[in-house]
Amino acid sequence: MYIYVHTYIIHWANPLCCLRRLVMATTAITMLGPGLALRGPDGSMNLAVDGILFEFELLYRLLNLTIQVRVRIDDSYVTKVHQQYACVYV
């Protein structure tokens, strides 16, 4: 049983690292994107807006993937470790 607990903790590190990267990238996009739009050369407004939308789409996909991984980890942990507590309702 302890092997499942350690595996659970180790597998939780990946979604937490993804979420940390997600927060850092969102902060960087929010801070640096408008600077390019305001202080860049001519036409940089369109480039900055397109880049911001593209990056936010990638970050949304990363968040969605992280949530899916977390749910799968929790489901596998519950089915492997807590089988004796599982109830079947008819």
Protein backbone atom coordinates (compact mmCIF):
# COMPACT_ATOMS: atom_id res chain seq x y z
CA MET A 1 0.00 0.00 0.00
CA TYR A 2 2.86 2.39 0.73
CA ILE A 3 4.12 2.02 -2.81
CA TYR A 4 0.83 3.46 -4.07
CA VAL A 5 1.08 6.39 -1.69
CA HIS A 6 4.60 7.24 -2.84
CA THR A 7 3.65 6.80 -6.48
CA TYR A 8 0.67 9.08 -5.92
CA ILE A 9 2.88 11.78 -4.43
CA ILE A 10 5.46 11.47 -7.20
CA HIS A 11 2.79 11.64 -9.90
CA TRP A 12 1.32 14.73 -8.26
CA ALA A 13 4.57 16.60 -8.88
CA ASN A 14 3.97 16.76 -12.65
CA PRO A 15 0.58 18.54 -12.52
CA LEU A 16 1.89 20.93 -9.88
CA CYS A 17 4.87 21.84 -12.07
CA CYS A 18 2.54 22.36 -15.02
CA LEU A 19 0.33 24.64 -12.95
CA ARG A 20 3.38 26.62 -11.78
CA ARG A 21 4.47 27.04 -15.40
CA LEU A 22 0.93 28.07 -16.29
CA VAL A 23 0.90 30.84 -13.68
CA MET A 24 4.35 32.10 -14.68
CA ALA A 25 3.51 32.11 -18.39
CA THR A 26 0.20 33.89 -17.84
CA THR A 27 1.95 36.54 -15.78
CA ALA A 28 4.65 37.00 -18.43
CA ILE A 29 2.11 37.28 -21.26
CA THR A 30 0.04 39.78 -19.33
CA MET A 31 3.07 41.93 -18.51
CA LEU A 32 5.07 41.72 -21.75
CA GLY A 33 2.32 41.56 -24.39
CA PRO A 34 1.00 45.11 -24.02
CA GLY A 35 4.56 46.47 -23.98
CA LEU A 36 5.16 45.13 -27.47
CA ALA A 37 1.85 46.52 -28.66
CA LEU A 38 2.50 50.02 -27.30
CA ARG A 39 6.25 50.45 -27.83
CA GLY A 40 6.95 48.28 -30.88
CA PRO A 41 7.33 49.33 -34.49
CA ASP A 42 4.42 49.95 -36.84
CA GLY A 43 2.12 46.95 -37.08
CA SER A 44 3.24 45.53 -33.77
CA MET A 45 -0.24 45.93 -32.29
CA ASN A 46 -1.66 43.20 -34.54
CA LEU A 47 1.39 41.02 -33.94
CA ALA A 48 1.10 41.42 -30.17
CA VAL A 49 -2.62 40.69 -30.05
CA ASP A 50 -2.22 37.60 -32.26
CA GLY A 51 0.65 36.40 -30.09
CA ILE A 52 -1.28 36.96 -26.87
CA LEU A 53 -4.31 35.05 -28.19
CA PHE A 54 -2.11 32.20 -29.40
CA GLU A 55 -0.28 31.92 -26.08
CA PHE A 56 -3.49 32.04 -24.06
CA GLU A 57 -4.88 29.22 -26.24
CA LEU A 58 -1.80 27.12 -25.51
CA LEU A 59 -2.09 27.86 -21.81
CA TYR A 60 -5.76 26.88 -21.86
CA ARG A 61 -4.83 23.54 -23.41
CA LEU A 62 -2.13 23.03 -20.77
CA LEU A 63 -4.62 23.77 -18.01
CA ASN A 64 -7.14 21.35 -19.51
CA LEU A 65 -4.48 18.64 -19.80
CA THR A 66 -3.33 19.23 -16.23
CA ILE A 67 -6.88 18.87 -14.90
CA GLN A 68 -7.36 15.65 -16.87
CA VAL A 69 -4.10 14.20 -15.54
CA ARG A 70 -5.04 15.13 -11.99
CA VAL A 71 -8.44 13.44 -12.29
CA ARG A 72 -6.86 10.28 -13.74
CA ILE A 73 -4.27 10.16 -10.96
CA ASP A 74 -6.95 10.54 -8.31
CA ASP A 75 -9.15 7.90 -9.95
CA SER A 76 -6.33 5.38 -10.21
CA TYR A 77 -5.28 6.03 -6.61
CA VAL A 78 -8.81 5.58 -5.30
CA THR A 79 -9.40 2.38 -7.28
CA LYS A 80 -6.08 0.81 -6.23
CA VAL A 81 -5.81 1.84 -2.59
CA HIS A 82 -9.37 2.20 -1.39
CA GLN A 83 -10.96 -0.86 -2.98
CA GLN A 84 -11.94 -2.23 0.39
CA TYR A 85 -14.01 0.91 1.05
CA ALA A 86 -15.77 0.91 -2.33
CA CYS A 87 -19.50 0.35 -2.18
CA VAL A 88 -21.59 -1.01 -5.00
CA TYR A 89 -25.10 0.44 -5.18
CA VAL A 90 -27.76 -1.57 -6.94
